[in-house]
Amino acid sequence: MTRVNLKRLFLTVALSLEAATAAADYQLNIPVGPTETSRMIYDFHMYAIWVCLGIGVVVFGVMFYSIVNHRKSKHPVPAAFHENTKLEIVWTVIPVLILVGLAVPATKALVRIEDTSDAEMTIKVTGYQWKWHYEYPEEGIQFFSSLDEASNRARQLGSDLAPEKVDNYLLNVDNPLVVPINKKIRFLITAADVIHAWWVPAFGWKKDAIPGYVNAAWVKIEKPGVYRGQCAELCGRDHGYMPIVVKAVTEDEYKAWVAEWKQNHAASEVLE
């Protein structure tokens, strides 16, 4: 491989990593998306952090107190007792209460996140090497979603299109998934070849797409917008080139999109 090609390869890898991290805006905490599930996960995450912080303050406080007040220069006198039943009960009960205090809200959140009942619409997601297939059973709509042409062209060695010139490099698709806001949407996620994983960080969850098995998840998006994700399971040599783009629109815009899609495909079938 020539020096020019090596330089090009290094630049492509570097920009790919930059594109993957840019979506998070280098934030230190997990994102809070426009969904109930993402807020539940964020709230429990912060609750657990404060619990851990409290434990750390107590443990390190006792440790530093012991270091300072029982140092050699103070000539400490060792305690004469060998056991203390009350103390042992206390340091056994307290961790149990902490674990219960963490387990109860975690279980409630998990049960809520996994509850796909009362969904208002269903979308089937199938992973392929290296693209996604979306199907709206109620609407009779289905299509493939692949890496957009500009990103695919820019990622090639020797391409005349520089990756930094492409908007949302490696995070854009030719056919985004269009969904309405303020509707509980059930996703049925599977794969046709190898294991993939459908992951949109703003939704607060990811699900494995496994051949021969269907995983279910749900989301209710509260704000219009474009939400990007990626396959989160190493699925082959082009694993990094199967992004996810979800376009959340109002109910009227969604109905207009459905009507336009059906009209366009009906026209194309007549031409064929």
C-alpha atoms as a PDB file:
ATOM      1  CA  MET A   1       0.000   0.000   0.000  1.00  0.00           C
ATOM      2  CA  THR A   2       1.406   3.419  -0.986  1.00  0.00           C
ATOM      3  CA  ARG A   3       2.090   6.211   1.482  1.00  0.00           C
ATOM      4  CA  VAL A   4      -0.771   8.237  -0.035  1.00  0.00           C
ATOM      5  CA  ASN A   5      -3.227   5.369   0.484  1.00  0.00           C
ATOM      6  CA  LEU A   6      -2.018   4.847   4.051  1.00  0.00           C
ATOM      7  CA  LYS A   7      -2.539   8.529   4.762  1.00  0.00           C
ATOM      8  CA  ARG A   8      -5.997   8.355   3.222  1.00  0.00           C
ATOM      9  CA  LEU A   9      -6.870   5.268   5.282  1.00  0.00           C
ATOM     10  CA  PHE A  10      -5.693   6.928   8.498  1.00  0.00           C
ATOM     11  CA  LEU A  11      -7.760  10.037   7.709  1.00  0.00           C
ATOM     12  CA  THR A  12     -10.858   7.945   7.001  1.00  0.00           C
ATOM     13  CA  VAL A  13     -10.539   6.006  10.281  1.00  0.00           C
ATOM     14  CA  ALA A  14      -9.923   9.205  12.260  1.00  0.00           C
ATOM     15  CA  LEU A  15     -12.931  10.946  10.747  1.00  0.00           C
ATOM     16  CA  SER A  16     -15.086   7.870  11.349  1.00  0.00           C
ATOM     17  CA  LEU A  17     -14.226   7.955  15.045  1.00  0.00           C
ATOM     18  CA  GLU A  18     -14.823  11.695  15.116  1.00  0.00           C
ATOM     19  CA  ALA A  19     -18.231  11.294  13.489  1.00  0.00           C
ATOM     20  CA  ALA A  20     -19.217   8.617  15.995  1.00  0.00           C
ATOM     21  CA  THR A  21     -18.274  10.765  18.978  1.00  0.00           C
ATOM     22  CA  ALA A  22     -19.479  14.089  17.601  1.00  0.00           C
ATOM     23  CA  ALA A  23     -23.105  13.038  18.015  1.00  0.00           C
ATOM     24  CA  ALA A  24     -22.619  13.055  21.772  1.00  0.00           C
ATOM     25  CA  ASP A  25     -21.027  16.552  21.708  1.00  0.00           C
ATOM     26  CA  TYR A  26     -18.278  15.214  23.986  1.00  0.00           C
ATOM     27  CA  GLN A  27     -20.640  15.264  26.943  1.00  0.00           C
ATOM     28  CA  LEU A  28     -19.581  13.416  30.073  1.00  0.00           C
ATOM     29  CA  ASN A  29     -23.016  12.212  31.124  1.00  0.00           C
ATOM     30  CA  ILE A  30     -25.497  10.018  29.268  1.00  0.00           C
ATOM     31  CA  PRO A  31     -27.900  11.921  26.990  1.00  0.00           C
ATOM     32  CA  VAL A  32     -31.480  12.756  27.922  1.00  0.00           C
ATOM     33  CA  GLY A  33     -33.551  12.156  24.817  1.00  0.00           C
ATOM     34  CA  PRO A  34     -37.110  13.172  23.941  1.00  0.00           C
ATOM     35  CA  THR A  35     -38.599   9.930  25.263  1.00  0.00           C
ATOM     36  CA  GLU A  36     -39.947   8.577  28.531  1.00  0.00           C
ATOM     37  CA  THR A  37     -37.532   5.647  28.418  1.00  0.00           C
ATOM     38  CA  SER A  38     -34.453   7.854  28.110  1.00  0.00           C
ATOM     39  CA  ARG A  39     -35.605  10.008  31.034  1.00  0.00           C
ATOM     40  CA  MET A  40     -36.251   6.948  33.216  1.00  0.00           C
ATOM     41  CA  ILE A  41     -32.769   5.631  32.517  1.00  0.00           C
ATOM     42  CA  TYR A  42     -31.178   9.024  33.118  1.00  0.00           C
ATOM     43  CA  ASP A  43     -33.065   9.560  36.393  1.00  0.00           C
ATOM     44  CA  PHE A  44     -32.056   6.149  37.744  1.00  0.00           C
ATOM     45  CA  HIS A  45     -28.487   6.692  36.547  1.00  0.00           C
ATOM     46  CA  MET A  46     -28.259   9.950  38.506  1.00  0.00           C
ATOM     47  CA  TYR A  47     -29.941   8.377  41.548  1.00  0.00           C
ATOM     48  CA  ALA A  48     -27.375   5.543  41.535  1.00  0.00           C
ATOM     49  CA  ILE A  49     -24.519   8.023  41.154  1.00  0.00           C
ATOM     50  CA  TRP A  50     -25.678   9.998  44.219  1.00  0.00           C
ATOM     51  CA  VAL A  51     -25.986   6.766  46.210  1.00  0.00           C
ATOM     52  CA  CYS A  52     -22.456   5.772  45.195  1.00  0.00           C
ATOM     53  CA  LEU A  53     -21.213   9.259  46.026  1.00  0.00           C
ATOM     54  CA  GLY A  54     -22.752   8.998  49.497  1.00  0.00           C
ATOM     55  CA  ILE A  55     -21.115   5.614  50.045  1.00  0.00           C
ATOM     56  CA  GLY A  56     -17.794   7.020  48.889  1.00  0.00           C
ATOM     57  CA  VAL A  57     -18.013  10.012  51.229  1.00  0.00           C
ATOM     58  CA  VAL A  58     -18.740   7.768  54.231  1.00  0.00           C
ATOM     59  CA  VAL A  59     -16.098   5.157  53.412  1.00  0.00           C
ATOM     60  CA  PHE A  60     -13.309   7.612  52.596  1.00  0.00           C
ATOM     61  CA  GLY A  61     -14.355   9.823  55.519  1.00  0.00           C
ATOM     62  CA  VAL A  62     -13.920   6.947  57.965  1.00  0.00           C
ATOM     63  CA  MET A  63     -10.695   5.916  56.269  1.00  0.00           C
ATOM     64  CA  PHE A  64      -9.097   9.373  56.419  1.00  0.00           C
ATOM     65  CA  TYR A  65     -10.334   9.893  59.987  1.00  0.00           C
ATOM     66  CA  SER A  66      -8.645   6.636  60.984  1.00  0.00           C
ATOM     67  CA  ILE A  67      -5.434   7.552  59.162  1.00  0.00           C
ATOM     68  CA  VAL A  68      -5.218  10.964  60.852  1.00  0.00           C
ATOM     69  CA  ASN A  69      -6.344  10.040  64.360  1.00  0.00           C
ATOM     70  CA  HIS A  70      -4.619   6.680  64.648  1.00  0.00           C
ATOM     71  CA  ARG A  71      -1.263   7.521  63.104  1.00  0.00           C
ATOM     72  CA  LYS A  72       1.904   6.254  64.752  1.00  0.00           C
ATOM     73  CA  SER A  73       2.932   9.657  66.118  1.00  0.00           C
ATOM     74  CA  LYS A  74      -0.187   9.694  68.308  1.00  0.00           C
ATOM     75  CA  HIS A  75       0.752   6.344  69.851  1.00  0.00           C
ATOM     76  CA  PRO A  76      -2.684   4.766  69.370  1.00  0.00           C
ATOM     77  CA  VAL A  77      -3.770   2.000  71.726  1.00  0.00           C
ATOM     78  CA  PRO A  78      -5.349  -1.006  69.967  1.00  0.00           C
ATOM     79  CA  ALA A  79      -8.914  -1.890  70.938  1.00  0.00           C
ATOM     80  CA  ALA A  80      -9.303  -4.767  73.342  1.00  0.00           C
ATOM     81  CA  PHE A  81     -12.459  -6.329  71.878  1.00  0.00           C
ATOM     82  CA  HIS A  82     -12.492  -9.076  69.229  1.00  0.00           C
ATOM     83  CA  GLU A  83     -16.064  -8.845  67.960  1.00  0.00           C
ATOM     84  CA  ASN A  84     -19.103  -6.610  68.186  1.00  0.00           C
ATOM     85  CA  THR A  85     -22.411  -8.220  67.307  1.00  0.00           C
ATOM     86  CA  LYS A  86     -24.299  -4.931  66.990  1.00  0.00           C
ATOM     87  CA  LEU A  87     -21.671  -3.473  64.663  1.00  0.00           C
ATOM     88  CA  GLU A  88     -21.679  -6.572  62.480  1.00  0.00           C
ATOM     89  CA  ILE A  89     -25.483  -6.427  62.230  1.00  0.00           C
ATOM     90  CA  VAL A  90     -25.303  -2.743  61.263  1.00  0.00           C
ATOM     91  CA  TRP A  91     -22.732  -3.204  58.503  1.00  0.00           C
ATOM     92  CA  THR A  92     -24.720  -6.153  57.157  1.00  0.00           C
ATOM     93  CA  VAL A  93     -28.139  -4.475  57.218  1.00  0.00           C
ATOM     94  CA  ILE A  94     -27.005  -1.166  55.702  1.00  0.00           C
ATOM     95  CA  PRO A  95     -25.626  -2.726  52.440  1.00  0.00           C
ATOM     96  CA  VAL A  96     -28.805  -4.813  52.127  1.00  0.00           C
ATOM     97  CA  LEU A  97     -30.944  -1.678  52.433  1.00  0.00           C
ATOM     98  CA  ILE A  98     -28.776   0.100  49.854  1.00  0.00           C
ATOM     99  CA  LEU A  99     -29.136  -2.800  47.421  1.00  0.00           C
ATOM    100  CA  VAL A 100     -32.905  -2.898  47.912  1.00  0.00           C
ATOM    101  CA  GLY A 101     -33.039   0.878  47.459  1.00  0.00           C
ATOM    102  CA  LEU A 102     -31.287   0.452  44.111  1.00  0.00           C
ATOM    103  CA  ALA A 103     -33.086  -2.713  43.021  1.00  0.00           C
ATOM    104  CA  VAL A 104     -36.659  -1.445  43.480  1.00  0.00           C
ATOM    105  CA  PRO A 105     -36.475   1.622  41.161  1.00  0.00           C
ATOM    106  CA  ALA A 106     -34.258  -0.297  38.715  1.00  0.00           C
ATOM    107  CA  THR A 107     -36.813  -3.096  38.470  1.00  0.00           C
ATOM    108  CA  LYS A 108     -39.703  -0.646  38.039  1.00  0.00           C
ATOM    109  CA  ALA A 109     -37.838   1.129  35.228  1.00  0.00           C
ATOM    110  CA  LEU A 110     -36.895  -2.165  33.543  1.00  0.00           C
ATOM    111  CA  VAL A 111     -40.476  -3.463  33.657  1.00  0.00           C
ATOM    112  CA  ARG A 112     -41.739  -0.194  32.186  1.00  0.00           C
ATOM    113  CA  ILE A 113     -39.096  -0.156  29.454  1.00  0.00           C
ATOM    114  CA  GLU A 114     -39.937  -3.736  28.420  1.00  0.00           C
ATOM    115  CA  ASP A 115     -43.722  -3.187  28.395  1.00  0.00           C
ATOM    116  CA  THR A 116     -44.700  -2.910  24.729  1.00  0.00           C
ATOM    117  CA  SER A 117     -48.435  -3.369  25.376  1.00  0.00           C
ATOM    118  CA  ASP A 118     -50.963  -0.772  24.212  1.00  0.00           C
ATOM    119  CA  ALA A 119     -48.746   0.239  21.294  1.00  0.00           C
ATOM    120  CA  GLU A 120     -50.473   2.463  18.745  1.00  0.00           C
ATOM    121  CA  MET A 121     -48.401   1.267  15.785  1.00  0.00           C
ATOM    122  CA  THR A 122     -45.793  -1.374  14.969  1.00  0.00           C
ATOM    123  CA  ILE A 123     -42.603  -1.207  12.932  1.00  0.00           C
ATOM    124  CA  LYS A 124     -40.573  -4.288  12.034  1.00  0.00           C
ATOM    125  CA  VAL A 125     -36.812  -3.758  11.821  1.00  0.00           C
ATOM    126  CA  THR A 126     -34.597  -6.326  10.090  1.00  0.00           C
ATOM    127  CA  GLY A 127     -30.816  -6.064  10.031  1.00  0.00           C
ATOM    128  CA  TYR A 128     -28.838  -7.039   6.940  1.00  0.00           C
ATOM    129  CA  GLN A 129     -25.186  -6.839   6.034  1.00  0.00           C
ATOM    130  CA  TRP A 130     -25.000  -3.837   5.921  1.00  0.00           C
ATOM    131  CA  LYS A 131     -28.314  -2.015   5.894  1.00  0.00           C
ATOM    132  CA  TRP A 132     -31.688  -1.967   7.617  1.00  0.00           C
ATOM    133  CA  HIS A 133     -35.082  -3.017   6.344  1.00  0.00           C
ATOM    134  CA  TYR A 134     -38.152  -1.264   7.783  1.00  0.00           C
ATOM    135  CA  GLU A 135     -41.711  -2.509   7.480  1.00  0.00           C
ATOM    136  CA  TYR A 136     -44.946  -0.797   8.570  1.00  0.00           C
ATOM    137  CA  PRO A 137     -47.437  -3.713   8.686  1.00  0.00           C
ATOM    138  CA  GLU A 138     -50.519  -1.519   9.182  1.00  0.00           C
ATOM    139  CA  GLU A 139     -49.610   0.770   6.291  1.00  0.00           C
ATOM    140  CA  GLY A 140     -48.234  -1.825   3.873  1.00  0.00           C
ATOM    141  CA  ILE A 141     -44.983   0.137   3.590  1.00  0.00           C
ATOM    142  CA  GLN A 142     -41.505  -1.394   3.500  1.00  0.00           C
ATOM    143  CA  PHE A 143     -38.095  -0.249   2.308  1.00  0.00           C
ATOM    144  CA  PHE A 144     -34.358  -0.606   2.829  1.00  0.00           C
ATOM    145  CA  SER A 145     -32.276   2.081   4.520  1.00  0.00           C
ATOM    146  CA  SER A 146     -28.585   2.209   3.603  1.00  0.00           C
ATOM    147  CA  LEU A 147     -25.620   4.523   4.029  1.00  0.00           C
ATOM    148  CA  ASP A 148     -26.167   7.654   1.939  1.00  0.00           C
ATOM    149  CA  GLU A 149     -24.375   7.976  -1.403  1.00  0.00           C
ATOM    150  CA  ALA A 150     -22.157  10.880  -0.353  1.00  0.00           C
ATOM    151  CA  SER A 151     -20.778   9.095   2.728  1.00  0.00           C
ATOM    152  CA  ASN A 152     -20.336   5.867   0.781  1.00  0.00           C
ATOM    153  CA  ARG A 153     -18.426   7.712  -1.921  1.00  0.00           C
ATOM    154  CA  ALA A 154     -16.256   9.653   0.532  1.00  0.00           C
ATOM    155  CA  ARG A 155     -15.260   6.558   2.518  1.00  0.00           C
ATOM    156  CA  GLN A 156     -13.660   4.893  -0.500  1.00  0.00           C
ATOM    157  CA  LEU A 157      -9.866   4.992  -0.787  1.00  0.00           C
ATOM    158  CA  GLY A 158      -8.847   7.382  -3.528  1.00  0.00           C
ATOM    159  CA  SER A 159     -12.221   9.143  -3.547  1.00  0.00           C
ATOM    160  CA  ASP A 160     -12.388  12.659  -4.961  1.00  0.00           C
ATOM    161  CA  LEU A 161     -14.833  13.615  -2.166  1.00  0.00           C
ATOM    162  CA  ALA A 162     -13.244  14.426   1.194  1.00  0.00           C
ATOM    163  CA  PRO A 163     -15.073  13.001   4.266  1.00  0.00           C
ATOM    164  CA  GLU A 164     -14.963  16.369   6.033  1.00  0.00           C
ATOM    165  CA  LYS A 165     -17.014  17.840   3.186  1.00  0.00           C
ATOM    166  CA  VAL A 166     -19.940  15.492   3.845  1.00  0.00           C
ATOM    167  CA  ASP A 167     -22.616  16.532   6.338  1.00  0.00           C
ATOM    168  CA  ASN A 168     -23.200  13.864   9.005  1.00  0.00           C
ATOM    169  CA  TYR A 169     -20.478  11.697   7.520  1.00  0.00           C
ATOM    170  CA  LEU A 170     -21.277   7.987   8.050  1.00  0.00           C
ATOM    171  CA  LEU A 171     -24.390   8.970  10.043  1.00  0.00           C
ATOM    172  CA  ASN A 172     -26.773   9.635   7.178  1.00  0.00           C
ATOM    173  CA  VAL A 173     -28.947   7.301   5.098  1.00  0.00           C
ATOM    174  CA  ASP A 174     -30.785   7.304   1.793  1.00  0.00           C
ATOM    175  CA  ASN A 175     -34.178   6.411   3.318  1.00  0.00           C
ATOM    176  CA  PRO A 176     -34.763   7.503   6.932  1.00  0.00           C
ATOM    177  CA  LEU A 177     -37.321   5.839   9.163  1.00  0.00           C
ATOM    178  CA  VAL A 178     -40.268   8.264   9.461  1.00  0.00           C
ATOM    179  CA  VAL A 179     -42.441   8.070  12.575  1.00  0.00           C
ATOM    180  CA  PRO A 180     -45.113  10.265  14.208  1.00  0.00           C
ATOM    181  CA  ILE A 181     -44.508  11.964  17.551  1.00  0.00           C
ATOM    182  CA  ASN A 182     -46.654  11.353  20.647  1.00  0.00           C
ATOM    183  CA  LYS A 183     -47.490   7.783  19.638  1.00  0.00           C
ATOM    184  CA  LYS A 184     -46.349   4.633  21.378  1.00  0.00           C
ATOM    185  CA  ILE A 185     -44.477   2.714  18.692  1.00  0.00           C
ATOM    186  CA  ARG A 186     -43.604  -0.961  19.113  1.00  0.00           C
ATOM    187  CA  PHE A 187     -40.449  -2.132  17.329  1.00  0.00           C
ATOM    188  CA  LEU A 188     -40.050  -5.787  16.382  1.00  0.00           C
ATOM    189  CA  ILE A 189     -36.331  -6.260  15.774  1.00  0.00           C
ATOM    190  CA  THR A 190     -34.657  -9.218  14.071  1.00  0.00           C
ATOM    191  CA  ALA A 191     -31.948 -10.008  11.503  1.00  0.00           C
ATOM    192  CA  ALA A 192     -31.693 -11.911   8.259  1.00  0.00           C
ATOM    193  CA  ASP A 193     -28.044 -13.002   8.350  1.00  0.00           C
ATOM    194  CA  VAL A 194     -25.827 -12.284  11.392  1.00  0.00           C
ATOM    195  CA  ILE A 195     -26.326 -10.536  14.738  1.00  0.00           C
ATOM    196  CA  HIS A 196     -26.789  -6.762  14.531  1.00  0.00           C
ATOM    197  CA  ALA A 197     -27.985  -4.239  17.124  1.00  0.00           C
ATOM    198  CA  TRP A 198     -30.421  -1.378  16.530  1.00  0.00           C
ATOM    199  CA  TRP A 199     -29.303   1.589  18.649  1.00  0.00           C
ATOM    200  CA  VAL A 200     -30.486   5.207  18.732  1.00  0.00           C
ATOM    201  CA  PRO A 201     -28.916   6.885  21.805  1.00  0.00           C
ATOM    202  CA  ALA A 202     -31.682   9.483  22.123  1.00  0.00           C
ATOM    203  CA  PHE A 203     -34.224   6.692  22.737  1.00  0.00           C
ATOM    204  CA  GLY A 204     -32.331   5.380  25.767  1.00  0.00           C
ATOM    205  CA  TRP A 205     -32.029   1.739  24.680  1.00  0.00           C
ATOM    206  CA  LYS A 206     -30.618  -0.647  22.112  1.00  0.00           C
ATOM    207  CA  LYS A 207     -31.835  -4.062  21.030  1.00  0.00           C
ATOM    208  CA  ASP A 208     -29.962  -6.947  19.469  1.00  0.00           C
ATOM    209  CA  ALA A 209     -31.182  -8.051  16.056  1.00  0.00           C
ATOM    210  CA  ILE A 210     -30.761 -11.841  16.078  1.00  0.00           C
ATOM    211  CA  PRO A 211     -31.572 -14.187  13.165  1.00  0.00           C
ATOM    212  CA  GLY A 212     -34.572 -16.375  13.958  1.00  0.00           C
ATOM    213  CA  TYR A 213     -35.477 -14.371  17.054  1.00  0.00           C
ATOM    214  CA  VAL A 214     -37.618 -11.245  17.527  1.00  0.00           C
ATOM    215  CA  ASN A 215     -36.809  -8.666  20.201  1.00  0.00           C
ATOM    216  CA  ALA A 216     -39.454  -6.089  21.106  1.00  0.00           C
ATOM    217  CA  ALA A 217     -38.994  -2.511  22.265  1.00  0.00           C
ATOM    218  CA  TRP A 218     -41.018   0.674  22.282  1.00  0.00           C
ATOM    219  CA  VAL A 219     -40.619   4.405  22.075  1.00  0.00           C
ATOM    220  CA  LYS A 220     -42.841   7.455  22.309  1.00  0.00           C
ATOM    221  CA  ILE A 221     -41.058  10.470  20.857  1.00  0.00           C
ATOM    222  CA  GLU A 222     -42.231  13.790  22.236  1.00  0.00           C
ATOM    223  CA  LYS A 223     -40.347  16.247  20.003  1.00  0.00           C
ATOM    224  CA  PRO A 224     -40.040  16.435  16.214  1.00  0.00           C
ATOM    225  CA  GLY A 225     -36.511  16.051  14.956  1.00  0.00           C
ATOM    226  CA  VAL A 226     -33.907  13.803  13.374  1.00  0.00           C
ATOM    227  CA  TYR A 227     -32.386  11.197  15.672  1.00  0.00           C
ATOM    228  CA  ARG A 228     -29.316   9.275  14.566  1.00  0.00           C
ATOM    229  CA  GLY A 229     -27.878   5.944  15.623  1.00  0.00           C
ATOM    230  CA  GLN A 230     -25.760   3.058  14.450  1.00  0.00           C
ATOM    231  CA  CYS A 231     -25.471  -0.696  14.493  1.00  0.00           C
ATOM    232  CA  ALA A 232     -23.953  -1.492  17.890  1.00  0.00           C
ATOM    233  CA  GLU A 233     -22.919  -5.101  17.240  1.00  0.00           C
ATOM    234  CA  LEU A 234     -19.850  -6.020  15.207  1.00  0.00           C
ATOM    235  CA  CYS A 235     -21.464  -7.662  12.190  1.00  0.00           C
ATOM    236  CA  GLY A 236     -18.719  -7.800   9.569  1.00  0.00           C
ATOM    237  CA  ARG A 237     -16.232  -5.691   7.647  1.00  0.00           C
ATOM    238  CA  ASP A 238     -18.718  -2.887   6.877  1.00  0.00           C
ATOM    239  CA  HIS A 239     -20.239  -2.805  10.367  1.00  0.00           C
ATOM    240  CA  GLY A 240     -19.403   0.905  10.711  1.00  0.00           C
ATOM    241  CA  TYR A 241     -21.346   1.791   7.572  1.00  0.00           C
ATOM    242  CA  MET A 242     -24.933   0.942   8.526  1.00  0.00           C
ATOM    243  CA  PRO A 243     -26.249   4.015  10.367  1.00  0.00           C
ATOM    244  CA  ILE A 244     -29.798   4.605  11.577  1.00  0.00           C
ATOM    245  CA  VAL A 245     -31.760   7.799  10.998  1.00  0.00           C
ATOM    246  CA  VAL A 246     -35.198   8.294  12.558  1.00  0.00           C
ATOM    247  CA  LYS A 247     -37.199  11.314  11.428  1.00  0.00           C
ATOM    248  CA  ALA A 248     -39.920  12.182  13.947  1.00  0.00           C
ATOM    249  CA  VAL A 249     -42.699  14.369  12.534  1.00  0.00           C
ATOM    250  CA  THR A 250     -46.158  15.563  13.507  1.00  0.00           C
ATOM    251  CA  GLU A 251     -49.183  13.351  12.897  1.00  0.00           C
ATOM    252  CA  ASP A 252     -50.278  15.398   9.863  1.00  0.00           C
ATOM    253  CA  GLU A 253     -46.782  15.280   8.355  1.00  0.00           C
ATOM    254  CA  TYR A 254     -46.643  11.537   8.930  1.00  0.00           C
ATOM    255  CA  LYS A 255     -49.977  10.983   7.184  1.00  0.00           C
ATOM    256  CA  ALA A 256     -48.780  13.123   4.278  1.00  0.00           C
ATOM    257  CA  TRP A 257     -45.564  11.069   4.050  1.00  0.00           C
ATOM    258  CA  VAL A 258     -47.545   7.798   4.036  1.00  0.00           C
ATOM    259  CA  ALA A 259     -49.836   9.069   1.283  1.00  0.00           C
ATOM    260  CA  GLU A 260     -46.881  10.322  -0.781  1.00  0.00           C
ATOM    261  CA  TRP A 261     -44.976   7.042  -0.369  1.00  0.00           C
ATOM    262  CA  LYS A 262     -47.971   4.991  -1.479  1.00  0.00           C
ATOM    263  CA  GLN A 263     -48.658   7.286  -4.426  1.00  0.00           C
ATOM    264  CA  ASN A 264     -45.044   7.210  -5.612  1.00  0.00           C
ATOM    265  CA  HIS A 265     -44.790   3.430  -5.353  1.00  0.00           C
ATOM    266  CA  ALA A 266     -48.147   2.876  -6.986  1.00  0.00           C
ATOM    267  CA  ALA A 267     -46.949   5.040  -9.890  1.00  0.00           C
ATOM    268  CA  SER A 268     -43.669   3.132 -10.156  1.00  0.00           C
ATOM    269  CA  GLU A 269     -45.532  -0.202 -10.233  1.00  0.00           C
ATOM    270  CA  VAL A 270     -47.739   1.066 -13.076  1.00  0.00           C
ATOM    271  CA  LEU A 271     -44.628   2.130 -15.044  1.00  0.00           C
ATOM    272  CA  GLU A 272     -43.099  -1.312 -14.564  1.00  0.00           C
END
